C-alpha atoms as a PDB file:
ATOM      1  CA  UNK A   1     149.559  59.547  79.608  1.00  0.00           C
ATOM      2  CA  UNK A   2     148.510  56.409  77.767  1.00  0.00           C
ATOM      3  CA  UNK A   3     150.941  53.750  76.595  1.00  0.00           C
ATOM      4  CA  UNK A   4     149.441  53.819  73.097  1.00  0.00           C
ATOM      5  CA  UNK A   5     148.996  57.090  71.177  1.00  0.00           C
ATOM      6  CA  UNK A   6     145.506  57.977  69.982  1.00  0.00           C
ATOM      7  CA  UNK A   7     146.795  58.319  66.412  1.00  0.00           C
ATOM      8  CA  UNK A   8     149.818  58.919  64.221  1.00  0.00           C
ATOM      9  CA  UNK A   9     150.496  61.807  61.880  1.00  0.00           C
ATOM     10  CA  UNK A  10     152.423  60.341  58.943  1.00  0.00           C
ATOM     11  CA  UNK A  11     154.040  62.202  56.088  1.00  0.00           C
ATOM     12  CA  UNK A  12     155.965  60.725  53.196  1.00  0.00           C
ATOM     13  CA  UNK A  13     157.235  62.307  50.029  1.00  0.00           C
ATOM     14  CA  UNK A  14     157.595  61.224  46.454  1.00  0.00           C
ATOM     15  CA  UNK A  15     160.980  60.172  45.148  1.00  0.00           C
ATOM     16  CA  UNK A  16     163.415  62.991  44.471  1.00  0.00           C
ATOM     17  CA  UNK A  17     161.096  65.895  45.272  1.00  0.00           C
ATOM     18  CA  UNK A  18     162.246  66.738  48.810  1.00  0.00           C
ATOM     19  CA  UNK A  19     166.044  66.645  48.921  1.00  0.00           C
ATOM     20  CA  UNK A  20     168.254  67.592  51.870  1.00  0.00           C
ATOM     21  CA  UNK A  21     169.760  70.988  51.270  1.00  0.00           C
ATOM     22  CA  UNK A  22     166.865  72.512  49.357  1.00  0.00           C
ATOM     23  CA  UNK A  23     165.043  75.504  50.775  1.00  0.00           C
ATOM     24  CA  UNK A  24     162.173  73.468  52.235  1.00  0.00           C
ATOM     25  CA  UNK A  25     162.534  72.182  55.785  1.00  0.00           C
ATOM     26  CA  UNK A  26     163.863  68.647  56.166  1.00  0.00           C
ATOM     27  CA  UNK A  27     165.538  66.484  58.772  1.00  0.00           C
ATOM     28  CA  UNK A  28     168.515  64.156  58.692  1.00  0.00           C
ATOM     29  CA  UNK A  29     170.489  62.103  61.239  1.00  0.00           C
ATOM     30  CA  UNK A  30     171.819  65.274  62.897  1.00  0.00           C
ATOM     31  CA  UNK A  31     168.483  67.163  62.787  1.00  0.00           C
ATOM     32  CA  UNK A  32     165.857  64.677  63.913  1.00  0.00           C
ATOM     33  CA  UNK A  33     165.171  65.425  67.572  1.00  0.00           C
ATOM     34  CA  UNK A  34     161.862  67.102  68.378  1.00  0.00           C
ATOM     35  CA  UNK A  35     162.474  70.822  68.659  1.00  0.00           C
ATOM     36  CA  UNK A  36     165.813  70.775  66.848  1.00  0.00           C
ATOM     37  CA  UNK A  37     166.459  72.989  63.840  1.00  0.00           C
ATOM     38  CA  UNK A  38     165.787  71.752  60.331  1.00  0.00           C
ATOM     39  CA  UNK A  39     168.557  71.118  57.826  1.00  0.00           C
ATOM     40  CA  UNK A  40     169.836  74.460  56.517  1.00  0.00           C
ATOM     41  CA  UNK A  41     169.503  75.174  52.782  1.00  0.00           C
ATOM     42  CA  UNK A  42     172.683  74.115  51.011  1.00  0.00           C
ATOM     43  CA  UNK A  43     172.828  74.150  47.183  1.00  0.00           C
ATOM     44  CA  UNK A  44     175.916  71.897  47.120  1.00  0.00           C
ATOM     45  CA  UNK A  45     174.258  69.271  49.315  1.00  0.00           C
ATOM     46  CA  UNK A  46     171.101  69.409  47.227  1.00  0.00           C
ATOM     47  CA  UNK A  47     173.125  68.976  44.027  1.00  0.00           C
ATOM     48  CA  UNK A  48     175.022  66.035  45.546  1.00  0.00           C
ATOM     49  CA  UNK A  49     171.738  64.396  46.558  1.00  0.00           C
ATOM     50  CA  UNK A  50     170.344  64.961  43.068  1.00  0.00           C
ATOM     51  CA  UNK A  51     173.452  63.335  41.549  1.00  0.00           C
ATOM     52  CA  UNK A  52     172.848  60.193  43.631  1.00  0.00           C
ATOM     53  CA  UNK A  53     169.347  59.738  42.246  1.00  0.00           C
ATOM     54  CA  UNK A  54     168.953  56.854  39.799  1.00  0.00           C
ATOM     55  CA  UNK A  55     165.611  58.017  38.383  1.00  0.00           C
ATOM     56  CA  UNK A  56     163.843  61.286  37.722  1.00  0.00           C
ATOM     57  CA  UNK A  57     161.742  62.842  40.509  1.00  0.00           C
ATOM     58  CA  UNK A  58     158.260  61.384  40.783  1.00  0.00           C
ATOM     59  CA  UNK A  59     155.187  63.604  40.835  1.00  0.00           C
ATOM     60  CA  UNK A  60     151.588  62.578  41.282  1.00  0.00           C
ATOM     61  CA  UNK A  61     149.132  63.967  38.728  1.00  0.00           C
ATOM     62  CA  UNK A  62     145.401  64.069  39.487  1.00  0.00           C
ATOM     63  CA  UNK A  63     144.714  60.463  38.390  1.00  0.00           C
ATOM     64  CA  UNK A  64     147.681  59.104  40.356  1.00  0.00           C
ATOM     65  CA  UNK A  65     146.648  61.108  43.445  1.00  0.00           C
ATOM     66  CA  UNK A  66     143.155  59.625  43.238  1.00  0.00           C
ATOM     67  CA  UNK A  67     144.568  56.093  43.004  1.00  0.00           C
ATOM     68  CA  UNK A  68     146.887  56.690  45.978  1.00  0.00           C
ATOM     69  CA  UNK A  69     144.015  58.145  48.046  1.00  0.00           C
ATOM     70  CA  UNK A  70     141.761  55.179  47.275  1.00  0.00           C
ATOM     71  CA  UNK A  71     144.557  52.668  47.963  1.00  0.00           C
ATOM     72  CA  UNK A  72     145.231  54.161  51.399  1.00  0.00           C
ATOM     73  CA  UNK A  73     141.528  54.251  52.273  1.00  0.00           C
ATOM     74  CA  UNK A  74     141.104  50.647  51.096  1.00  0.00           C
ATOM     75  CA  UNK A  75     144.083  49.400  53.123  1.00  0.00           C
ATOM     76  CA  UNK A  76     142.879  51.149  56.291  1.00  0.00           C
ATOM     77  CA  UNK A  77     139.416  49.584  55.924  1.00  0.00           C
ATOM     78  CA  UNK A  78     140.962  46.156  55.279  1.00  0.00           C
ATOM     79  CA  UNK A  79     143.148  46.341  58.392  1.00  0.00           C
ATOM     80  CA  UNK A  80     140.491  47.911  60.609  1.00  0.00           C
ATOM     81  CA  UNK A  81     142.494  51.098  61.124  1.00  0.00           C
ATOM     82  CA  UNK A  82     140.752  54.442  61.580  1.00  0.00           C
ATOM     83  CA  UNK A  83     141.723  56.936  58.923  1.00  0.00           C
ATOM     84  CA  UNK A  84     140.929  60.362  60.348  1.00  0.00           C
ATOM     85  CA  UNK A  85     142.286  62.513  57.509  1.00  0.00           C
ATOM     86  CA  UNK A  86     144.262  62.112  54.303  1.00  0.00           C
ATOM     87  CA  UNK A  87     145.648  64.571  51.776  1.00  0.00           C
ATOM     88  CA  UNK A  88     147.527  63.347  48.711  1.00  0.00           C
ATOM     89  CA  UNK A  89     149.559  66.156  47.129  1.00  0.00           C
ATOM     90  CA  UNK A  90     151.755  66.247  43.995  1.00  0.00           C
ATOM     91  CA  UNK A  91     154.886  65.454  45.995  1.00  0.00           C
ATOM     92  CA  UNK A  92     153.766  64.180  49.403  1.00  0.00           C
ATOM     93  CA  UNK A  93     151.095  62.409  51.402  1.00  0.00           C
ATOM     94  CA  UNK A  94     149.825  63.416  54.857  1.00  0.00           C
ATOM     95  CA  UNK A  95     147.584  61.169  56.919  1.00  0.00           C
ATOM     96  CA  UNK A  96     146.243  60.927  60.434  1.00  0.00           C
ATOM     97  CA  UNK A  97     145.519  57.322  61.348  1.00  0.00           C
ATOM     98  CA  UNK A  98     144.825  55.235  64.445  1.00  0.00           C
ATOM     99  CA  UNK A  99     146.364  51.774  64.294  1.00  0.00           C
ATOM    100  CA  UNK A 100     147.616  49.257  66.827  1.00  0.00           C
ATOM    101  CA  UNK A 101     150.882  48.844  64.940  1.00  0.00           C
ATOM    102  CA  UNK A 102     154.097  50.834  64.927  1.00  0.00           C
ATOM    103  CA  UNK A 103     153.928  53.891  62.652  1.00  0.00           C
ATOM    104  CA  UNK A 104     156.809  52.755  60.449  1.00  0.00           C
ATOM    105  CA  UNK A 105     154.849  49.616  59.534  1.00  0.00           C
ATOM    106  CA  UNK A 106     151.723  51.659  58.838  1.00  0.00           C
ATOM    107  CA  UNK A 107     153.679  53.998  56.551  1.00  0.00           C
ATOM    108  CA  UNK A 108     155.487  51.160  54.776  1.00  0.00           C
ATOM    109  CA  UNK A 109     152.262  49.291  54.034  1.00  0.00           C
ATOM    110  CA  UNK A 110     150.622  52.525  52.771  1.00  0.00           C
ATOM    111  CA  UNK A 111     153.432  53.067  50.271  1.00  0.00           C
ATOM    112  CA  UNK A 112     153.439  49.437  49.146  1.00  0.00           C
ATOM    113  CA  UNK A 113     149.695  49.261  48.530  1.00  0.00           C
ATOM    114  CA  UNK A 114     149.659  52.624  46.733  1.00  0.00           C
ATOM    115  CA  UNK A 115     152.499  51.461  44.461  1.00  0.00           C
ATOM    116  CA  UNK A 116     150.686  48.191  43.790  1.00  0.00           C
ATOM    117  CA  UNK A 117     147.533  50.053  42.750  1.00  0.00           C
ATOM    118  CA  UNK A 118     149.526  52.435  40.523  1.00  0.00           C
ATOM    119  CA  UNK A 119     151.152  49.409  38.852  1.00  0.00           C
ATOM    120  CA  UNK A 120     147.749  47.778  38.333  1.00  0.00           C
ATOM    121  CA  UNK A 121     146.473  50.985  36.739  1.00  0.00           C
ATOM    122  CA  UNK A 122     149.304  50.807  34.209  1.00  0.00           C
ATOM    123  CA  UNK A 123     151.378  53.711  35.508  1.00  0.00           C
ATOM    124  CA  UNK A 124     155.075  52.992  34.981  1.00  0.00           C
ATOM    125  CA  UNK A 125     156.597  49.637  35.859  1.00  0.00           C
ATOM    126  CA  UNK A 126     157.158  47.968  39.210  1.00  0.00           C
ATOM    127  CA  UNK A 127     160.781  49.155  39.287  1.00  0.00           C
ATOM    128  CA  UNK A 128     159.752  52.835  39.282  1.00  0.00           C
ATOM    129  CA  UNK A 129     160.819  54.573  42.488  1.00  0.00           C
ATOM    130  CA  UNK A 130     157.817  56.483  43.746  1.00  0.00           C
ATOM    131  CA  UNK A 131     158.515  57.195  47.418  1.00  0.00           C
ATOM    132  CA  UNK A 132     161.385  58.332  49.591  1.00  0.00           C
ATOM    133  CA  UNK A 133     162.887  55.639  51.776  1.00  0.00           C
ATOM    134  CA  UNK A 134     161.525  57.021  55.023  1.00  0.00           C
ATOM    135  CA  UNK A 135     159.083  59.647  56.196  1.00  0.00           C
ATOM    136  CA  UNK A 136     157.891  61.510  59.244  1.00  0.00           C
ATOM    137  CA  UNK A 137     156.072  59.669  62.027  1.00  0.00           C
ATOM    138  CA  UNK A 138     154.559  61.731  64.824  1.00  0.00           C
ATOM    139  CA  UNK A 139     152.730  60.293  67.795  1.00  0.00           C
ATOM    140  CA  UNK A 140     149.494  62.058  68.744  1.00  0.00           C
ATOM    141  CA  UNK A 141     148.776  61.493  72.420  1.00  0.00           C
ATOM    142  CA  UNK A 142     145.619  63.549  73.024  1.00  0.00           C
ATOM    143  CA  UNK A 143     142.432  64.685  71.291  1.00  0.00           C
ATOM    144  CA  UNK A 144     143.740  68.214  70.755  1.00  0.00           C
ATOM    145  CA  UNK A 145     146.848  66.937  68.941  1.00  0.00           C
ATOM    146  CA  UNK A 146     144.710  64.639  66.777  1.00  0.00           C
ATOM    147  CA  UNK A 147     142.272  67.429  65.924  1.00  0.00           C
ATOM    148  CA  UNK A 148     145.118  69.862  65.163  1.00  0.00           C
ATOM    149  CA  UNK A 149     146.731  67.435  62.713  1.00  0.00           C
ATOM    150  CA  UNK A 150     143.385  66.598  61.093  1.00  0.00           C
ATOM    151  CA  UNK A 151     142.844  70.308  60.508  1.00  0.00           C
ATOM    152  CA  UNK A 152     146.406  70.771  59.203  1.00  0.00           C
ATOM    153  CA  UNK A 153     146.070  67.782  56.876  1.00  0.00           C
ATOM    154  CA  UNK A 154     142.754  68.919  55.416  1.00  0.00           C
ATOM    155  CA  UNK A 155     143.141  72.704  55.474  1.00  0.00           C
ATOM    156  CA  UNK A 156     146.811  73.613  55.948  1.00  0.00           C
ATOM    157  CA  UNK A 157     148.239  72.385  52.651  1.00  0.00           C
ATOM    158  CA  UNK A 158     147.175  75.027  50.166  1.00  0.00           C
ATOM    159  CA  UNK A 159     144.836  74.093  47.347  1.00  0.00           C
ATOM    160  CA  UNK A 160     142.856  70.942  48.049  1.00  0.00           C
ATOM    161  CA  UNK A 161     143.984  68.003  45.939  1.00  0.00           C
ATOM    162  CA  UNK A 162     142.874  64.458  46.833  1.00  0.00           C
ATOM    163  CA  UNK A 163     141.529  64.334  50.367  1.00  0.00           C
ATOM    164  CA  UNK A 164     139.579  62.091  52.665  1.00  0.00           C
ATOM    165  CA  UNK A 165     137.892  63.589  55.716  1.00  0.00           C
ATOM    166  CA  UNK A 166     137.271  60.764  58.154  1.00  0.00           C
ATOM    167  CA  UNK A 167     135.597  63.102  60.632  1.00  0.00           C
ATOM    168  CA  UNK A 168     132.453  62.953  58.494  1.00  0.00           C
ATOM    169  CA  UNK A 169     130.597  59.905  57.375  1.00  0.00           C
ATOM    170  CA  UNK A 170     127.253  60.318  55.674  1.00  0.00           C
ATOM    171  CA  UNK A 171     127.326  63.954  56.813  1.00  0.00           C
ATOM    172  CA  UNK A 172     127.720  62.998  60.489  1.00  0.00           C
ATOM    173  CA  UNK A 173     130.908  63.542  62.503  1.00  0.00           C
ATOM    174  CA  UNK A 174     132.689  60.288  63.297  1.00  0.00           C
ATOM    175  CA  UNK A 175     134.706  61.831  66.131  1.00  0.00           C
ATOM    176  CA  UNK A 176     133.244  63.881  68.961  1.00  0.00           C
END
């Protein structure tokens, strides 16, 4: 096994749209080990989390999704990182990226640049909370894992919204 993963699978959600205790799967400090169960649905916990929010949930419409997609692509090109796949949804972003940095940094810089571009486009003000504080960072150690997450990112999310397929460039596959 290599010391450096081939890629990362990163997922982050928009502010207030994926709360602990809702019916969708989530993790917390007690449910964050690979293979452990997700947080169980709990209406009281969800309501308590909602009460702690200082702004309304943030959703990405089609124009905002396009801006976020372009910002992530631009940042990857600038830093020389390989963006294998990207899917910007109404309430979350999935990406598969190869970078010689820790995944938390890669995710943090993605969120910051996307927010900067949304500000420049005139959407809300700089104090608008757009993203959750953290996200999911998975290490992809082999080609099969990378290809599986590329497929999931591009085809396993329901209706296609704003995507980038880095496996094709000018109609030719980038990866073998």
